[in-house]
Amino acid sequence: MTKRAAGTAGGIAAAVPAALFVALAGTALHRHDLVLGGVELPWGAVAALVLLGSVQLWLGAAFRSVVPTAACGVLCYALTGWWSTLEAGKRLVIGDAAGNIWVFGIAGITVAMLAWCRRYRRPTGQDR
């Protein structure tokens, strides 16, 4: 196994528990709202997306690869999507404003962090 393959495997191994944490914490956090002048502001969903972006940025910088960032985003999106399709009494993410910001924001933040973390990747033989 090459050093690069070992680094990628380690990045994916770190991305799995990170994605589980972000999916759980973000799902718990996304329902918090702030009411100002009769308008509900879903600050919890925005905070959950900031948490996701922070973890993805850390993974990309720590492993100098976009693979852990992508793995974290895909797994977080899959878990959150699954939790939004459970039957009515067990559903953790519902289709209101906060739920939509959280679920669809995961894809947007993941794409943004993939673009940002490209700068951290290790140079290959062609890049040198």
N, C-alpha and C. Protein backbone atom coordinates (compact mmCIF):
# COMPACT_ATOMS: atom_id res chain seq x y z
N MET A 1 0.85 -1.17 0.00
CA MET A 1 0.00 0.00 0.00
C MET A 1 0.90 1.23 0.00
N THR A 2 0.61 2.16 -0.88
CA THR A 2 1.42 3.36 -0.95
C THR A 2 1.03 4.32 0.16
N LYS A 3 1.90 5.30 0.37
CA LYS A 3 1.64 6.29 1.42
C LYS A 3 0.38 7.10 1.10
N ARG A 4 0.18 7.39 -0.18
CA ARG A 4 -1.00 8.16 -0.60
C ARG A 4 -2.29 7.38 -0.37
N ALA A 5 -2.28 6.08 -0.68
CA ALA A 5 -3.47 5.25 -0.47
C ALA A 5 -3.76 5.10 1.03
N ALA A 6 -2.71 4.97 1.82
CA ALA A 6 -2.91 4.87 3.27
C ALA A 6 -3.49 6.17 3.83
N GLY A 7 -3.06 7.31 3.30
CA GLY A 7 -3.61 8.59 3.74
C GLY A 7 -5.08 8.74 3.37
N THR A 8 -5.44 8.26 2.18
CA THR A 8 -6.83 8.32 1.75
C THR A 8 -7.71 7.41 2.60
N ALA A 9 -7.20 6.21 2.89
CA ALA A 9 -7.96 5.29 3.74
C ALA A 9 -8.13 5.86 5.14
N GLY A 10 -7.09 6.48 5.67
CA GLY A 10 -7.19 7.12 6.98
C GLY A 10 -8.16 8.28 6.98
N GLY A 11 -8.18 9.03 5.87
CA GLY A 11 -9.12 10.14 5.76
C GLY A 11 -10.56 9.68 5.74
N ILE A 12 -10.82 8.59 5.02
CA ILE A 12 -12.18 8.04 4.99
C ILE A 12 -12.55 7.48 6.35
N ALA A 13 -11.59 6.83 7.01
CA ALA A 13 -11.85 6.28 8.35
C ALA A 13 -12.16 7.40 9.34
N ALA A 14 -11.56 8.55 9.18
CA ALA A 14 -11.87 9.68 10.05
C ALA A 14 -13.17 10.36 9.65
N ALA A 15 -13.51 10.32 8.37
CA ALA A 15 -14.72 10.99 7.89
C ALA A 15 -16.00 10.30 8.34
N VAL A 16 -15.96 8.99 8.53
CA VAL A 16 -17.17 8.26 8.91
C VAL A 16 -17.68 8.68 10.30
N PRO A 17 -16.87 8.63 11.36
CA PRO A 17 -17.40 9.09 12.65
C PRO A 17 -17.69 10.59 12.67
N ALA A 18 -16.91 11.36 11.90
CA ALA A 18 -17.18 12.80 11.83
C ALA A 18 -18.54 13.05 11.20
N ALA A 19 -18.88 12.32 10.15
CA ALA A 19 -20.18 12.47 9.50
C ALA A 19 -21.31 12.03 10.43
N LEU A 20 -21.09 10.96 11.16
CA LEU A 20 -22.11 10.51 12.12
C LEU A 20 -22.36 11.58 13.18
N PHE A 21 -21.27 12.18 13.68
CA PHE A 21 -21.42 13.24 14.68
C PHE A 21 -22.17 14.44 14.10
N VAL A 22 -21.75 14.90 12.92
CA VAL A 22 -22.38 16.08 12.32
C VAL A 22 -23.85 15.80 12.00
N ALA A 23 -24.15 14.62 11.49
CA ALA A 23 -25.54 14.30 11.16
C ALA A 23 -26.41 14.29 12.43
N LEU A 24 -25.91 13.70 13.50
CA LEU A 24 -26.67 13.67 14.76
C LEU A 24 -26.79 15.06 15.38
N ALA A 25 -25.66 15.75 15.50
CA ALA A 25 -25.67 17.07 16.13
C ALA A 25 -26.45 18.08 15.28
N GLY A 26 -26.27 18.03 13.98
CA GLY A 26 -26.98 18.95 13.10
C GLY A 26 -28.48 18.70 13.09
N THR A 27 -28.87 17.45 13.12
CA THR A 27 -30.30 17.13 13.16
C THR A 27 -30.92 17.58 14.49
N ALA A 28 -30.19 17.43 15.57
CA ALA A 28 -30.69 17.91 16.86
C ALA A 28 -30.73 19.44 16.90
N LEU A 29 -29.80 20.09 16.24
CA LEU A 29 -29.67 21.54 16.30
C LEU A 29 -30.59 22.26 15.32
N HIS A 30 -30.94 21.64 14.20
CA HIS A 30 -31.61 22.37 13.13
C HIS A 30 -33.00 22.87 13.48
N ARG A 31 -33.63 22.35 14.48
CA ARG A 31 -35.01 22.75 14.83
C ARG A 31 -35.08 24.02 15.67
N HIS A 32 -33.97 24.59 16.07
CA HIS A 32 -34.00 25.78 16.91
C HIS A 32 -34.29 27.02 16.07
N ASP A 33 -35.28 27.79 16.51
CA ASP A 33 -35.69 29.00 15.81
C ASP A 33 -35.62 30.19 16.76
N LEU A 34 -35.48 31.35 16.17
CA LEU A 34 -35.52 32.60 16.92
C LEU A 34 -36.65 33.42 16.31
N VAL A 35 -37.56 33.89 17.15
CA VAL A 35 -38.70 34.67 16.67
C VAL A 35 -38.42 36.15 16.91
N LEU A 36 -38.34 36.91 15.83
CA LEU A 36 -38.14 38.35 15.90
C LEU A 36 -39.27 39.04 15.15
N GLY A 37 -40.09 39.77 15.88
CA GLY A 37 -41.18 40.49 15.25
C GLY A 37 -42.17 39.60 14.54
N GLY A 38 -42.40 38.41 15.05
CA GLY A 38 -43.35 37.48 14.46
C GLY A 38 -42.77 36.64 13.33
N VAL A 39 -41.49 36.83 13.02
CA VAL A 39 -40.84 36.06 11.95
C VAL A 39 -39.90 35.05 12.58
N GLU A 40 -40.03 33.79 12.17
CA GLU A 40 -39.16 32.74 12.70
C GLU A 40 -37.88 32.67 11.86
N LEU A 41 -36.74 32.80 12.53
CA LEU A 41 -35.45 32.68 11.86
C LEU A 41 -34.82 31.35 12.25
N PRO A 42 -34.57 30.45 11.30
CA PRO A 42 -34.04 29.11 11.61
C PRO A 42 -32.53 29.14 11.86
N TRP A 43 -32.12 29.73 12.98
CA TRP A 43 -30.68 29.84 13.27
C TRP A 43 -30.06 28.48 13.53
N GLY A 44 -30.83 27.52 13.98
CA GLY A 44 -30.29 26.19 14.25
C GLY A 44 -29.85 25.47 12.98
N ALA A 45 -30.62 25.63 11.90
CA ALA A 45 -30.24 25.02 10.63
C ALA A 45 -28.97 25.65 10.08
N VAL A 46 -28.85 26.96 10.22
CA VAL A 46 -27.64 27.65 9.76
C VAL A 46 -26.45 27.23 10.61
N ALA A 47 -26.63 27.12 11.92
CA ALA A 47 -25.55 26.67 12.80
C ALA A 47 -25.13 25.23 12.48
N ALA A 48 -26.09 24.39 12.14
CA ALA A 48 -25.77 23.00 11.77
C ALA A 48 -24.95 22.96 10.49
N LEU A 49 -25.26 23.84 9.55
CA LEU A 49 -24.48 23.89 8.31
C LEU A 49 -23.09 24.44 8.54
N VAL A 50 -22.96 25.38 9.46
CA VAL A 50 -21.63 25.89 9.82
C VAL A 50 -20.80 24.78 10.47
N LEU A 51 -21.44 23.98 11.30
CA LEU A 51 -20.76 22.83 11.91
C LEU A 51 -20.28 21.86 10.83
N LEU A 52 -21.14 21.55 9.88
CA LEU A 52 -20.76 20.65 8.79
C LEU A 52 -19.59 21.21 8.00
N GLY A 53 -19.67 22.47 7.63
CA GLY A 53 -18.58 23.09 6.88
C GLY A 53 -17.27 23.09 7.64
N SER A 54 -17.33 23.31 8.94
CA SER A 54 -16.13 23.31 9.77
C SER A 54 -15.48 21.93 9.81
N VAL A 55 -16.29 20.91 9.98
CA VAL A 55 -15.75 19.55 10.03
C VAL A 55 -15.18 19.15 8.67
N GLN A 56 -15.88 19.50 7.61
CA GLN A 56 -15.37 19.17 6.28
C GLN A 56 -14.08 19.92 5.97
N LEU A 57 -13.99 21.16 6.38
CA LEU A 57 -12.77 21.93 6.18
C LEU A 57 -11.61 21.33 6.97
N TRP A 58 -11.88 20.91 8.19
CA TRP A 58 -10.86 20.27 9.01
C TRP A 58 -10.38 18.97 8.37
N LEU A 59 -11.31 18.17 7.87
CA LEU A 59 -10.93 16.91 7.22
C LEU A 59 -10.08 17.16 5.98
N GLY A 60 -10.47 18.12 5.17
CA GLY A 60 -9.72 18.43 3.96
C GLY A 60 -8.32 18.93 4.25
N ALA A 61 -8.19 19.76 5.28
CA ALA A 61 -6.88 20.30 5.63
C ALA A 61 -6.01 19.26 6.34
N ALA A 62 -6.61 18.46 7.19
CA ALA A 62 -5.84 17.47 7.96
C ALA A 62 -5.29 16.37 7.07
N PHE A 63 -6.07 15.92 6.09
CA PHE A 63 -5.65 14.82 5.24
C PHE A 63 -5.19 15.28 3.86
N ARG A 64 -5.24 16.59 3.62
CA ARG A 64 -4.78 17.18 2.36
C ARG A 64 -5.38 16.48 1.15
N SER A 65 -6.68 16.26 1.23
CA SER A 65 -7.40 15.56 0.17
C SER A 65 -8.87 15.97 0.22
N VAL A 66 -9.53 15.90 -0.93
CA VAL A 66 -10.96 16.18 -0.96
C VAL A 66 -11.79 14.93 -0.69
N VAL A 67 -11.16 13.76 -0.69
CA VAL A 67 -11.90 12.51 -0.50
C VAL A 67 -12.58 12.45 0.87
N PRO A 68 -11.90 12.76 1.99
CA PRO A 68 -12.60 12.74 3.27
C PRO A 68 -13.73 13.77 3.35
N THR A 69 -13.53 14.93 2.72
CA THR A 69 -14.56 15.96 2.69
C THR A 69 -15.80 15.44 1.96
N ALA A 70 -15.59 14.80 0.82
CA ALA A 70 -16.70 14.24 0.06
C ALA A 70 -17.38 13.10 0.82
N ALA A 71 -16.59 12.23 1.44
CA ALA A 71 -17.16 11.11 2.18
C ALA A 71 -18.02 11.60 3.34
N CYS A 72 -17.55 12.62 4.03
CA CYS A 72 -18.31 13.19 5.14
C CYS A 72 -19.63 13.78 4.65
N GLY A 73 -19.58 14.52 3.55
CA GLY A 73 -20.79 15.13 3.01
C GLY A 73 -21.80 14.11 2.52
N VAL A 74 -21.33 13.10 1.82
CA VAL A 74 -22.23 12.07 1.28
C VAL A 74 -22.89 11.28 2.41
N LEU A 75 -22.10 10.89 3.39
CA LEU A 75 -22.67 10.11 4.50
C LEU A 75 -23.63 10.95 5.34
N CYS A 76 -23.27 12.19 5.60
CA CYS A 76 -24.17 13.08 6.36
C CYS A 76 -25.48 13.29 5.60
N TYR A 77 -25.39 13.50 4.30
CA TYR A 77 -26.59 13.69 3.48
C TYR A 77 -27.45 12.42 3.46
N ALA A 78 -26.81 11.26 3.35
CA ALA A 78 -27.55 10.01 3.32
C ALA A 78 -28.27 9.77 4.65
N LEU A 79 -27.59 9.99 5.76
CA LEU A 79 -28.22 9.79 7.07
C LEU A 79 -29.38 10.76 7.29
N THR A 80 -29.15 12.02 6.98
CA THR A 80 -30.20 13.02 7.17
C THR A 80 -31.38 12.75 6.24
N GLY A 81 -31.09 12.36 5.02
CA GLY A 81 -32.17 12.02 4.09
C GLY A 81 -32.97 10.83 4.57
N TRP A 82 -32.29 9.84 5.12
CA TRP A 82 -32.98 8.67 5.66
C TRP A 82 -33.87 9.07 6.82
N TRP A 83 -33.34 9.92 7.71
CA TRP A 83 -34.13 10.35 8.87
C TRP A 83 -35.33 11.21 8.46
N SER A 84 -35.28 11.80 7.27
CA SER A 84 -36.42 12.60 6.82
C SER A 84 -37.48 11.76 6.12
N THR A 85 -37.18 10.48 5.86
CA THR A 85 -38.16 9.62 5.18
C THR A 85 -38.78 8.58 6.10
N LEU A 86 -38.48 8.63 7.39
CA LEU A 86 -39.09 7.68 8.32
C LEU A 86 -40.59 7.94 8.42
N GLU A 87 -41.31 7.00 8.98
CA GLU A 87 -42.76 7.17 9.12
C GLU A 87 -43.06 8.35 10.05
N ALA A 88 -44.29 8.81 10.01
CA ALA A 88 -44.68 10.08 10.61
C ALA A 88 -44.30 10.23 12.08
N GLY A 89 -44.44 9.23 12.89
CA GLY A 89 -44.16 9.38 14.31
C GLY A 89 -42.68 9.32 14.67
N LYS A 90 -41.86 8.85 13.76
CA LYS A 90 -40.44 8.66 14.03
C LYS A 90 -39.53 9.58 13.23
N ARG A 91 -40.09 10.41 12.40
CA ARG A 91 -39.32 11.29 11.51
C ARG A 91 -38.56 12.33 12.32
N LEU A 92 -37.26 12.48 12.05
CA LEU A 92 -36.42 13.44 12.76
C LEU A 92 -36.28 14.77 12.02
N VAL A 93 -36.44 14.75 10.72
CA VAL A 93 -36.34 15.96 9.91
C VAL A 93 -37.63 16.07 9.11
N ILE A 94 -38.38 17.16 9.34
CA ILE A 94 -39.63 17.33 8.62
C ILE A 94 -39.43 18.35 7.50
N GLY A 95 -40.39 18.46 6.61
CA GLY A 95 -40.25 19.29 5.43
C GLY A 95 -40.66 20.73 5.61
N ASP A 96 -40.27 21.36 6.71
CA ASP A 96 -40.53 22.78 6.88
C ASP A 96 -39.30 23.57 6.46
N ALA A 97 -39.28 24.87 6.74
CA ALA A 97 -38.15 25.71 6.31
C ALA A 97 -36.84 25.25 6.93
N ALA A 98 -36.83 24.99 8.23
CA ALA A 98 -35.60 24.57 8.89
C ALA A 98 -35.12 23.22 8.36
N GLY A 99 -36.04 22.29 8.16
CA GLY A 99 -35.68 20.98 7.63
C GLY A 99 -35.14 21.05 6.22
N ASN A 100 -35.76 21.88 5.39
CA ASN A 100 -35.27 22.04 4.01
C ASN A 100 -33.91 22.72 3.96
N ILE A 101 -33.71 23.73 4.79
CA ILE A 101 -32.40 24.38 4.84
C ILE A 101 -31.34 23.38 5.26
N TRP A 102 -31.64 22.55 6.24
CA TRP A 102 -30.66 21.57 6.73
C TRP A 102 -30.37 20.50 5.68
N VAL A 103 -31.40 19.89 5.12
CA VAL A 103 -31.20 18.78 4.19
C VAL A 103 -30.54 19.27 2.89
N PHE A 104 -31.09 20.28 2.27
CA PHE A 104 -30.56 20.73 0.99
C PHE A 104 -29.29 21.56 1.15
N GLY A 105 -29.14 22.16 2.32
CA GLY A 105 -27.91 22.91 2.59
C GLY A 105 -26.70 22.01 2.71
N ILE A 106 -26.89 20.76 3.10
CA ILE A 106 -25.78 19.81 3.19
C ILE A 106 -25.11 19.66 1.82
N ALA A 107 -25.91 19.55 0.78
CA ALA A 107 -25.35 19.41 -0.57
C ALA A 107 -24.60 20.68 -0.97
N GLY A 108 -25.17 21.83 -0.70
CA GLY A 108 -24.52 23.09 -1.05
C GLY A 108 -23.22 23.31 -0.30
N ILE A 109 -23.22 23.05 0.99
CA ILE A 109 -22.01 23.22 1.80
C ILE A 109 -20.94 22.22 1.36
N THR A 110 -21.34 21.00 1.04
CA THR A 110 -20.37 19.99 0.60
C THR A 110 -19.70 20.42 -0.70
N VAL A 111 -20.47 20.91 -1.65
CA VAL A 111 -19.87 21.37 -2.91
C VAL A 111 -18.93 22.55 -2.66
N ALA A 112 -19.34 23.48 -1.81
CA ALA A 112 -18.48 24.63 -1.50
C ALA A 112 -17.19 24.19 -0.81
N MET A 113 -17.27 23.25 0.12
CA MET A 113 -16.08 22.79 0.82
C MET A 113 -15.18 21.94 -0.09
N LEU A 114 -15.77 21.22 -1.03
CA LEU A 114 -14.95 20.49 -1.99
C LEU A 114 -14.14 21.46 -2.86
N ALA A 115 -14.79 22.53 -3.28
CA ALA A 115 -14.08 23.54 -4.07
C ALA A 115 -12.99 24.21 -3.25
N TRP A 116 -13.28 24.51 -1.99
CA TRP A 116 -12.31 25.17 -1.13
C TRP A 116 -11.14 24.24 -0.78
N CYS A 117 -11.43 22.98 -0.48
CA CYS A 117 -10.40 22.04 -0.02
C CYS A 117 -9.51 21.53 -1.16
N ARG A 118 -9.84 21.85 -2.39
CA ARG A 118 -8.95 21.47 -3.50
C ARG A 118 -7.57 22.08 -3.32
N ARG A 119 -7.49 23.22 -2.67
CA ARG A 119 -6.20 23.89 -2.48
C ARG A 119 -5.30 23.15 -1.50
N TYR A 120 -5.84 22.25 -0.69
CA TYR A 120 -5.04 21.54 0.30
C TYR A 120 -4.48 20.21 -0.22
N ARG A 121 -4.91 19.79 -1.38
CA ARG A 121 -4.52 18.45 -1.84
C ARG A 121 -3.01 18.35 -2.07
N ARG A 122 -2.53 17.14 -1.94
CA ARG A 122 -1.11 16.86 -2.15
C ARG A 122 -0.81 16.92 -3.64
N PRO A 123 0.34 17.45 -4.02
CA PRO A 123 0.67 17.46 -5.45
C PRO A 123 0.99 16.04 -5.93
N THR A 124 0.52 15.74 -7.12
CA THR A 124 0.83 14.45 -7.73
C THR A 124 2.04 14.62 -8.64
N GLY A 125 2.45 13.59 -9.29
CA GLY A 125 3.60 13.67 -10.19
C GLY A 125 3.39 14.66 -11.32
N GLN A 126 2.15 14.84 -11.77
CA GLN A 126 1.85 15.76 -12.85
C GLN A 126 1.82 17.20 -12.39
N ASP A 127 1.52 17.44 -11.11
CA ASP A 127 1.40 18.79 -10.58
C ASP A 127 2.73 19.41 -10.20
N ARG A 128 3.76 18.62 -10.08
CA ARG A 128 5.05 19.14 -9.60
C ARG A 128 5.77 19.93 -10.61
